[in-house]
Amino acid sequence: MNFYTFAKNVVKIGLSPVYRIKASGKEHFPKEGGVLICANHINNLDPLAVGTTSPRDIHFMAKEELFRAPVLKGIMPKINAFPVKRGLSDREALRKGLAILKEDRVLGLFPEGTRSKNGELGEGLSGAGFFALRSKAHIVPCAVIGPYSFLGKVKVVYGKPIDFQPYRDQKVSADVATKVIMAEIQKLISENK
């Protein structure tokens, strides 16, 4: 058992009973090929909720500050996370993300780039659109619906992959592509509240 699987099981055992995390739509998750999973961001625990319910291992793009924290800096690479400089065009992070998708693995993003302060879906950054357009990956929208309260319920809803080929063919901008993804996330949130 690798460290990722071990950590996933430990987190699942610890979090699921407290927050009663339930997932739906896992049947939509592609069993093979590159997958870009894009979720809303309402809590610091979102990567754990998505990571423990995902049928496949996820490589999360995470803010670089986490890689400097004393305890986390040794753990982050072992759980398939890699750093991104927020607010900048981080070419190294973009290259790493594309490589993950081209190697038929799963890249996890929170397109808003930061947690929502009011629980509503914010505007997505163009990075999600960039990855969707520059790869042949399946694009899976995901909704995390809280609140994270003791013995409350947290739902992680995986949507059907978005058919992105028409947007690739039309050569739409990364901003437009991100808007398409965000609209699908909003639809999942609205349908599952």
Protein backbone atom coordinates (compact mmCIF):
# COMPACT_ATOMS: atom_id res chain seq x y z
CA MET A 1 0.00 0.00 0.00
CA ASN A 2 1.46 3.37 -0.99
CA PHE A 3 1.31 6.47 1.21
CA TYR A 4 -1.53 8.04 -0.83
CA THR A 5 -3.80 5.02 -0.29
CA PHE A 6 -2.85 4.82 3.38
CA ALA A 7 -3.56 8.55 3.90
CA LYS A 8 -6.84 8.30 1.98
CA ASN A 9 -8.04 5.47 4.22
CA VAL A 10 -6.99 7.26 7.42
CA VAL A 11 -8.76 10.47 6.37
CA LYS A 12 -11.86 8.54 5.30
CA ILE A 13 -12.04 6.81 8.69
CA GLY A 14 -11.54 10.11 10.52
CA LEU A 15 -13.72 12.47 8.46
CA SER A 16 -16.63 10.41 7.22
CA PRO A 17 -18.31 9.76 10.58
CA VAL A 18 -17.84 13.36 11.79
CA TYR A 19 -19.10 15.10 8.65
CA ARG A 20 -21.07 12.17 7.18
CA ILE A 21 -19.47 12.59 3.76
CA LYS A 22 -21.46 10.91 1.02
CA ALA A 23 -20.66 10.82 -2.67
CA SER A 24 -22.96 10.43 -5.64
CA GLY A 25 -22.38 10.28 -9.37
CA LYS A 26 -19.21 8.19 -9.10
CA GLU A 27 -20.53 6.12 -12.00
CA HIS A 28 -19.85 9.17 -14.20
CA PHE A 29 -16.16 9.15 -13.34
CA PRO A 30 -14.10 7.83 -16.29
CA LYS A 31 -12.26 4.64 -15.37
CA GLU A 32 -9.32 5.46 -17.62
CA GLY A 33 -7.72 8.32 -19.49
CA GLY A 34 -6.82 11.76 -18.26
CA VAL A 35 -9.44 13.45 -16.09
CA LEU A 36 -9.68 17.10 -15.05
CA ILE A 37 -11.93 17.30 -12.01
CA CYS A 38 -13.14 20.81 -11.19
CA ALA A 39 -14.97 21.47 -7.90
CA ASN A 40 -16.30 24.43 -5.98
CA HIS A 41 -14.39 25.42 -2.85
CA ILE A 42 -16.29 26.07 0.39
CA ASN A 43 -13.95 24.74 3.08
CA ASN A 44 -10.31 23.79 3.71
CA LEU A 45 -11.50 20.18 3.95
CA ASP A 46 -12.77 20.10 0.34
CA PRO A 47 -9.62 18.42 -1.06
CA LEU A 48 -10.01 15.70 1.57
CA ALA A 49 -13.73 15.21 0.82
CA VAL A 50 -13.12 15.02 -2.93
CA GLY A 51 -9.92 12.99 -2.59
CA THR A 52 -11.43 10.33 -0.33
CA THR A 53 -14.58 9.87 -2.43
CA SER A 54 -12.93 9.87 -5.86
CA PRO A 55 -12.75 6.47 -7.57
CA ARG A 56 -9.20 7.31 -8.76
CA ASP A 57 -6.17 8.95 -7.17
CA ILE A 58 -6.12 12.72 -7.67
CA HIS A 59 -3.14 15.03 -8.15
CA PHE A 60 -4.22 18.31 -6.58
CA MET A 61 -2.77 21.66 -7.45
CA ALA A 62 -2.31 23.39 -4.05
CA LYS A 63 -1.18 26.84 -2.97
CA GLU A 64 2.58 26.96 -2.57
CA GLU A 65 2.35 28.23 1.03
CA LEU A 66 1.28 24.74 2.12
CA PHE A 67 4.60 23.34 0.89
CA ARG A 68 6.47 25.62 3.31
CA ALA A 69 4.45 24.66 6.41
CA PRO A 70 6.61 22.54 8.78
CA VAL A 71 4.39 19.44 8.96
CA LEU A 72 2.79 19.64 5.52
CA LYS A 73 5.88 20.20 3.38
CA GLY A 74 6.93 16.56 3.72
CA ILE A 75 3.43 15.17 3.28
CA MET A 76 2.13 17.21 0.32
CA PRO A 77 4.23 15.52 -2.41
CA LYS A 78 3.38 12.09 -0.97
CA ILE A 79 -0.33 12.74 -1.40
CA ASN A 80 0.18 13.73 -5.05
CA ALA A 81 -0.11 17.49 -4.45
CA PHE A 82 2.06 19.98 -6.30
CA PRO A 83 2.50 23.73 -5.72
CA VAL A 84 1.05 26.63 -7.63
CA LYS A 85 1.75 30.32 -7.13
CA ARG A 86 -1.65 31.92 -6.75
CA GLY A 87 -2.42 35.14 -8.59
CA LEU A 88 0.35 34.55 -11.13
CA SER A 89 0.74 32.63 -14.35
CA ASP A 90 2.79 29.79 -12.90
CA ARG A 91 4.28 28.11 -15.98
CA GLU A 92 5.84 25.26 -14.01
CA ALA A 93 2.48 24.37 -12.41
CA LEU A 94 0.77 24.57 -15.82
CA ARG A 95 3.38 22.23 -17.34
CA LYS A 96 3.04 19.80 -14.43
CA GLY A 97 -0.77 19.79 -14.70
CA LEU A 98 -0.69 19.13 -18.44
CA ALA A 99 1.83 16.31 -17.95
CA ILE A 100 -0.48 14.65 -15.40
CA LEU A 101 -3.39 14.76 -17.86
CA LYS A 102 -1.27 13.54 -20.78
CA GLU A 103 -0.14 10.60 -18.63
CA ASP A 104 -3.82 9.61 -18.24
CA ARG A 105 -3.96 10.54 -14.57
CA VAL A 106 -6.41 12.74 -12.65
CA LEU A 107 -5.81 16.44 -12.01
CA GLY A 108 -7.92 18.11 -9.32
CA LEU A 109 -8.62 21.86 -9.35
CA PHE A 110 -10.73 24.32 -7.43
CA PRO A 111 -11.16 26.86 -10.25
CA GLU A 112 -12.18 29.67 -7.90
CA GLY A 113 -8.60 29.62 -6.60
CA THR A 114 -9.70 30.28 -3.02
CA ARG A 115 -12.51 29.37 -0.65
CA SER A 116 -15.87 31.07 -1.05
CA LYS A 117 -16.54 33.34 1.90
CA ASN A 118 -20.32 33.18 1.54
CA GLY A 119 -20.73 29.60 0.31
CA GLU A 120 -21.82 30.76 -3.15
CA LEU A 121 -19.91 29.72 -6.26
CA GLY A 122 -17.42 32.41 -7.22
CA GLU A 123 -15.86 33.25 -10.55
CA GLY A 124 -13.46 30.69 -11.94
CA LEU A 125 -9.90 31.48 -12.94
CA SER A 126 -8.78 30.74 -16.49
CA GLY A 127 -6.46 27.87 -15.44
CA ALA A 128 -9.33 25.36 -15.55
CA GLY A 129 -10.17 26.41 -19.11
CA PHE A 130 -6.50 26.26 -20.08
CA PHE A 131 -6.21 22.61 -18.98
CA ALA A 132 -9.55 21.69 -20.56
CA LEU A 133 -8.56 23.16 -23.92
CA ARG A 134 -4.91 22.10 -24.01
CA SER A 135 -5.50 18.44 -23.15
CA LYS A 136 -7.75 15.65 -24.34
CA ALA A 137 -8.81 14.90 -20.78
CA HIS A 138 -12.34 14.16 -19.65
CA ILE A 139 -13.69 17.23 -17.82
CA VAL A 140 -15.66 16.21 -14.72
CA PRO A 141 -17.56 18.89 -12.78
CA CYS A 142 -17.93 18.29 -9.06
CA ALA A 143 -20.03 19.98 -6.37
CA VAL A 144 -19.17 19.97 -2.68
CA ILE A 145 -22.28 20.80 -0.68
CA GLY A 146 -21.97 21.45 3.06
CA PRO A 147 -21.93 22.74 5.66
CA TYR A 148 -19.03 21.09 7.43
CA SER A 149 -20.65 20.93 10.85
CA PHE A 150 -20.36 18.22 13.48
CA LEU A 151 -22.58 15.32 12.38
CA GLY A 152 -23.85 17.46 9.51
CA LYS A 153 -23.93 16.11 5.99
CA VAL A 154 -21.43 16.88 3.27
CA LYS A 155 -22.31 15.77 -0.24
CA VAL A 156 -19.76 15.35 -3.00
CA VAL A 157 -21.55 15.14 -6.34
CA TYR A 158 -19.72 14.08 -9.49
CA GLY A 159 -21.35 15.21 -12.72
CA LYS A 160 -21.23 13.65 -16.16
CA PRO A 161 -18.09 14.58 -18.11
CA ILE A 162 -18.57 17.71 -20.20
CA ASP A 163 -18.22 17.18 -23.95
CA PHE A 164 -15.40 19.63 -24.51
CA GLN A 165 -14.48 18.77 -28.09
CA PRO A 166 -16.76 21.45 -29.63
CA TYR A 167 -15.03 24.13 -27.51
CA ARG A 168 -11.62 22.80 -28.52
CA ASP A 169 -12.66 22.79 -32.18
CA GLN A 170 -13.97 26.38 -31.92
CA LYS A 171 -10.73 27.43 -30.20
CA VAL A 172 -12.60 29.37 -27.53
CA SER A 173 -10.58 31.31 -24.95
CA ALA A 174 -9.57 29.84 -21.60
CA ASP A 175 -11.94 32.31 -19.91
CA VAL A 176 -14.90 31.09 -21.96
CA ALA A 177 -13.95 27.46 -21.31
CA THR A 178 -13.77 28.14 -17.57
CA LYS A 179 -17.24 29.73 -17.67
CA VAL A 180 -18.60 26.53 -19.27
CA ILE A 181 -17.09 24.46 -16.45
CA MET A 182 -18.34 26.81 -13.73
CA ALA A 183 -21.87 26.70 -15.17
CA GLU A 184 -21.84 22.90 -14.89
CA ILE A 185 -20.62 23.08 -11.28
CA GLN A 186 -23.39 25.59 -10.48
CA LYS A 187 -25.95 23.27 -12.07
CA LEU A 188 -24.81 20.41 -9.83
CA ILE A 189 -25.00 22.64 -6.75
CA SER A 190 -28.50 23.87 -7.63
CA GLU A 191 -29.81 20.36 -8.37
CA ASN A 192 -28.40 18.79 -5.19
CA LYS A 193 -28.96 21.31 -2.39
